[in-house]
Amino acid sequence: MAEKEGAKVGAEEMEEREREGEAEEVEVKFRLFDGSDIGPIRCNAAATTVAALKDRVVADWPKDKSIIPKTANDVKLISGGKILENDKNVAQCRAPFGDLPSNAITMHVVVQPSSAKSKPGEVQVFTL
């Protein structure tokens, strides 16, 4: 119960900071499918959108990987177990975690190339 109250207080505090226009700088690193990282990069939590982070991931993607996203639409960012929406900013996506440093965020990157996505009502079959 105390954890939920702490999370609520943390979320309310972040919303208040956002309303007051505080430029909170955060450090974001991106964990790739093979365990390697991109970053960390520093950004303004209230001003940086998930879409901008995806663009950065595509631009900084290591060229030696077997899977390479072509566009930001091929990338999904996950933080705190949730897929992040493009129109949200970093401050809105952060989950408060008690004693962890408030300026460090690790986001997991999933690459789903556009050609692999199925259309509504379409079934994909993969064979081994």
Protein backbone atom coordinates (compact mmCIF):
# COMPACT_ATOMS: atom_id res chain seq x y z
CA MET A 1 0.00 0.00 0.00
CA ALA A 2 2.82 2.39 0.86
CA GLU A 3 4.37 1.72 -2.56
CA LYS A 4 1.17 2.80 -4.32
CA GLU A 5 0.99 5.96 -2.23
CA GLY A 6 4.64 6.71 -3.01
CA ALA A 7 4.01 6.16 -6.71
CA LYS A 8 0.99 8.47 -6.59
CA VAL A 9 2.97 11.19 -4.83
CA GLY A 10 5.81 10.79 -7.34
CA ALA A 11 3.45 11.06 -10.31
CA GLU A 12 1.73 14.12 -8.84
CA GLU A 13 5.11 15.74 -8.18
CA MET A 14 6.18 15.12 -11.80
CA GLU A 15 2.91 16.59 -13.12
CA GLU A 16 3.40 19.66 -10.93
CA ARG A 17 6.97 20.12 -12.18
CA GLU A 18 5.73 19.80 -15.76
CA ARG A 19 3.03 22.45 -15.17
CA GLU A 20 5.58 24.77 -13.60
CA GLY A 21 7.76 24.39 -16.68
CA GLU A 22 10.78 22.98 -14.89
CA ALA A 23 13.29 21.81 -17.44
CA GLU A 24 14.23 18.51 -15.86
CA GLU A 25 17.18 16.98 -17.66
CA VAL A 26 17.13 13.20 -17.75
CA GLU A 27 19.50 10.59 -19.06
CA VAL A 28 17.97 7.93 -21.31
CA LYS A 29 19.65 4.80 -22.56
CA PHE A 30 18.14 2.29 -24.92
CA ARG A 31 18.57 -1.45 -24.35
CA LEU A 32 18.63 -3.38 -27.62
CA PHE A 33 17.50 -6.95 -28.31
CA ASP A 34 21.00 -8.37 -27.84
CA GLY A 35 21.62 -6.64 -24.49
CA SER A 36 23.77 -3.83 -25.89
CA ASP A 37 22.87 -0.18 -25.34
CA ILE A 38 22.53 3.04 -27.28
CA GLY A 39 23.30 6.09 -25.21
CA PRO A 40 22.94 7.43 -22.67
CA ILE A 41 21.58 10.65 -24.12
CA ARG A 42 20.51 13.69 -22.14
CA CYS A 43 17.16 15.31 -22.88
CA ASN A 44 14.56 17.61 -21.39
CA ALA A 45 11.87 15.33 -19.93
CA ALA A 46 8.99 17.75 -20.56
CA ALA A 47 10.03 18.81 -24.07
CA THR A 48 11.22 15.52 -25.61
CA THR A 49 8.57 13.27 -27.15
CA VAL A 50 8.69 9.52 -27.61
CA ALA A 51 8.62 10.13 -31.38
CA ALA A 52 11.81 12.22 -31.08
CA LEU A 53 13.47 9.45 -29.05
CA LYS A 54 12.55 6.90 -31.73
CA ASP A 55 14.12 9.14 -34.39
CA ARG A 56 17.27 9.29 -32.29
CA VAL A 57 17.34 5.50 -31.87
CA VAL A 58 17.08 4.98 -35.64
CA ALA A 59 19.81 7.58 -36.29
CA ASP A 60 22.18 6.09 -33.68
CA TRP A 61 21.44 2.41 -34.44
CA PRO A 62 24.65 0.34 -34.71
CA LYS A 63 25.21 -0.69 -38.33
CA ASP A 64 26.65 -4.09 -37.37
CA LYS A 65 23.35 -5.45 -35.97
CA SER A 66 21.45 -8.20 -37.78
CA ILE A 67 18.18 -6.28 -37.41
CA ILE A 68 18.17 -2.61 -38.43
CA PRO A 69 15.08 -0.37 -38.26
CA LYS A 70 14.50 1.71 -41.39
CA THR A 71 12.14 4.25 -39.84
CA ALA A 72 10.93 5.33 -36.42
CA ASN A 73 7.68 3.47 -37.14
CA ASP A 74 9.67 0.21 -37.02
CA VAL A 75 10.64 0.92 -33.39
CA LYS A 76 8.66 0.37 -30.20
CA LEU A 77 9.99 1.80 -26.93
CA ILE A 78 9.07 0.07 -23.69
CA SER A 79 9.51 1.55 -20.23
CA GLY A 80 8.11 0.19 -17.00
CA GLY A 81 6.50 -2.66 -18.94
CA LYS A 82 4.44 -0.33 -21.13
CA ILE A 83 4.72 0.46 -24.83
CA LEU A 84 5.20 4.21 -25.07
CA GLU A 85 2.96 6.37 -27.24
CA ASN A 86 4.58 8.70 -29.80
CA ASP A 87 2.72 11.82 -28.67
CA LYS A 88 3.72 11.51 -24.99
CA ASN A 89 6.76 13.25 -23.58
CA VAL A 90 9.41 11.55 -21.46
CA ALA A 91 8.07 13.07 -18.24
CA GLN A 92 4.65 11.52 -18.89
CA CYS A 93 6.18 8.09 -19.49
CA ARG A 94 8.34 7.89 -16.40
CA ALA A 95 7.37 5.60 -13.57
CA PRO A 96 8.50 6.79 -10.12
CA PHE A 97 10.63 4.18 -8.39
CA GLY A 98 11.38 5.38 -4.88
CA ASP A 99 15.12 5.55 -4.24
CA LEU A 100 16.38 5.09 -7.81
CA PRO A 101 18.13 8.10 -9.36
CA SER A 102 15.39 10.30 -10.77
CA ASN A 103 17.37 11.28 -13.84
CA ALA A 104 18.22 7.81 -15.21
CA ILE A 105 15.84 5.89 -17.49
CA THR A 106 16.41 2.67 -19.42
CA MET A 107 14.00 2.01 -22.26
CA HIS A 108 13.84 -1.30 -24.08
CA VAL A 109 13.78 -1.22 -27.87
CA VAL A 110 11.76 -3.65 -29.96
CA VAL A 111 12.17 -3.57 -33.73
CA GLN A 112 9.16 -4.63 -35.77
CA PRO A 113 9.85 -3.81 -39.42
CA SER A 114 6.85 -2.48 -41.33
CA SER A 115 7.01 -5.36 -43.81
CA ALA A 116 6.56 -7.85 -40.94
CA LYS A 117 3.42 -6.17 -39.64
CA SER A 118 0.17 -7.73 -40.71
CA LYS A 119 -2.83 -5.79 -41.90
CA PRO A 120 -6.05 -5.95 -39.87
CA GLY A 121 -7.75 -9.27 -40.50
CA GLU A 122 -4.63 -10.77 -42.09
CA VAL A 123 -2.96 -13.81 -40.57
CA GLN A 124 0.80 -14.25 -40.77
CA VAL A 125 2.32 -17.72 -40.86
CA PHE A 126 5.98 -18.22 -40.06
CA THR A 127 7.70 -21.50 -40.83
CA LEU A 128 10.94 -22.80 -39.45
